[in-house]
Amino acid sequence: MADFPHYLEDTTDQAAISSGSDRIRRIHNRVCKVKSNEEIGVKYMQAWEEKYYERQEGLEEELEEDLSDVMVICKAAEGFAPAYDSELIYEQLCNWK
């Protein structure tokens, strides 16, 4: 299994063969089959998009603010690091608006 991280960095036929591991060659064969199957590729992309949008929605719900507003707040706070002072940050935000 010491060769597995190297294989993950370079998932090519040559890397699988040169690893000398039957397990890595079997994994590589499975990866190649999945990559060549268009239906699986479409399902993978759909699942990735769903997770991405769920994450975005979760961030917005957790923050209870629009993400662009949070970015403005973070930008205002940068000038006060490491001496974080919420009142100074609030004053800065008020001056920007």
Protein backbone atom coordinates (compact mmCIF):
# COMPACT_ATOMS: atom_id res chain seq x y z
CA MET A 1 0.00 0.00 0.00
CA ALA A 2 3.00 2.33 0.14
CA ASP A 3 2.70 2.77 -3.66
CA PHE A 4 -0.97 3.72 -3.49
CA PRO A 5 -0.41 7.45 -2.74
CA HIS A 6 1.93 7.61 -5.75
CA TYR A 7 -0.72 5.97 -7.89
CA LEU A 8 -3.31 8.52 -6.72
CA GLU A 9 -1.03 11.32 -7.89
CA ASP A 10 -0.47 9.67 -11.27
CA THR A 11 -3.40 7.44 -12.24
CA THR A 12 -1.96 6.17 -15.50
CA ASP A 13 -1.51 2.69 -16.94
CA GLN A 14 2.25 3.05 -16.50
CA ALA A 15 1.93 4.01 -12.82
CA ALA A 16 -0.32 1.02 -12.14
CA ILE A 17 2.04 -1.40 -13.88
CA SER A 18 5.20 0.00 -12.32
CA SER A 19 3.69 -0.21 -8.82
CA GLY A 20 4.13 -3.99 -8.90
CA SER A 21 0.92 -4.37 -6.91
CA ASP A 22 -1.93 -6.59 -8.07
CA ARG A 23 -4.32 -4.60 -5.87
CA ILE A 24 -3.35 -1.29 -7.51
CA ARG A 25 -3.70 -2.84 -10.99
CA ARG A 26 -7.20 -4.09 -10.06
CA ILE A 27 -8.14 -0.65 -8.73
CA HIS A 28 -6.77 0.93 -11.91
CA ASN A 29 -8.80 -1.42 -14.11
CA ARG A 30 -11.95 -0.51 -12.17
CA VAL A 31 -11.16 3.22 -12.45
CA CYS A 32 -10.68 2.86 -16.21
CA LYS A 33 -14.04 1.07 -16.57
CA VAL A 34 -15.82 3.77 -14.60
CA LYS A 35 -14.13 6.56 -16.59
CA SER A 36 -15.13 4.96 -19.89
CA ASN A 37 -18.79 4.53 -18.89
CA GLU A 38 -20.66 7.66 -19.96
CA GLU A 39 -23.73 6.87 -17.84
CA ILE A 40 -21.63 6.64 -14.68
CA GLY A 41 -19.85 9.88 -15.62
CA VAL A 42 -23.15 11.72 -15.95
CA LYS A 43 -24.37 10.33 -12.62
CA TYR A 44 -21.11 11.36 -10.97
CA MET A 45 -21.38 14.92 -12.28
CA GLN A 46 -25.02 15.17 -11.18
CA ALA A 47 -24.11 13.97 -7.69
CA TRP A 48 -21.20 16.42 -7.55
CA GLU A 49 -23.45 19.33 -8.57
CA GLU A 50 -26.08 18.37 -5.99
CA LYS A 51 -23.47 18.25 -3.23
CA TYR A 52 -22.01 21.59 -4.37
CA TYR A 53 -25.37 23.36 -4.29
CA GLU A 54 -26.32 21.75 -0.98
CA ARG A 55 -23.05 23.00 0.51
CA GLN A 56 -23.72 26.52 -0.80
CA GLU A 57 -27.25 26.49 0.62
CA GLY A 58 -25.95 25.16 3.93
CA LEU A 59 -23.40 27.95 4.17
CA GLU A 60 -26.02 30.60 3.52
CA GLU A 61 -28.43 29.06 6.06
CA GLU A 62 -25.71 28.71 8.67
CA LEU A 63 -24.52 32.27 8.15
CA GLU A 64 -28.07 33.65 7.96
CA GLU A 65 -26.63 36.19 5.53
CA ASP A 66 -26.06 36.29 1.81
CA LEU A 67 -22.58 35.04 1.02
CA SER A 68 -21.64 38.31 -0.72
CA ASP A 69 -22.53 40.24 2.47
CA VAL A 70 -20.33 37.92 4.51
CA MET A 71 -17.45 38.55 2.12
CA VAL A 72 -17.84 42.32 2.65
CA ILE A 73 -17.75 41.80 6.42
CA CYS A 74 -14.61 39.67 6.11
CA LYS A 75 -12.96 42.34 3.95
CA ALA A 76 -13.77 45.00 6.56
CA ALA A 77 -12.37 42.78 9.34
CA GLU A 78 -9.04 42.24 7.54
CA GLY A 79 -7.83 45.70 8.50
CA PHE A 80 -8.24 44.96 12.19
CA ALA A 81 -6.43 41.63 12.43
CA PRO A 82 -5.09 40.41 14.83
CA ALA A 83 -6.72 43.00 17.17
CA TYR A 84 -10.29 41.96 16.35
CA ASP A 85 -12.80 44.53 17.57
CA SER A 86 -16.40 44.01 16.48
CA GLU A 87 -17.36 47.64 17.15
CA LEU A 88 -14.57 48.97 14.92
CA ILE A 89 -15.56 46.52 12.19
CA TYR A 90 -19.19 47.63 12.48
CA GLU A 91 -18.15 51.29 12.20
CA GLN A 92 -16.10 50.47 9.10
CA LEU A 93 -19.07 48.70 7.51
CA CYS A 94 -21.35 51.67 8.27
CA ASN A 95 -18.84 54.01 6.61
CA TRP A 96 -18.84 51.85 3.46
CA LYS A 97 -22.63 51.84 3.11
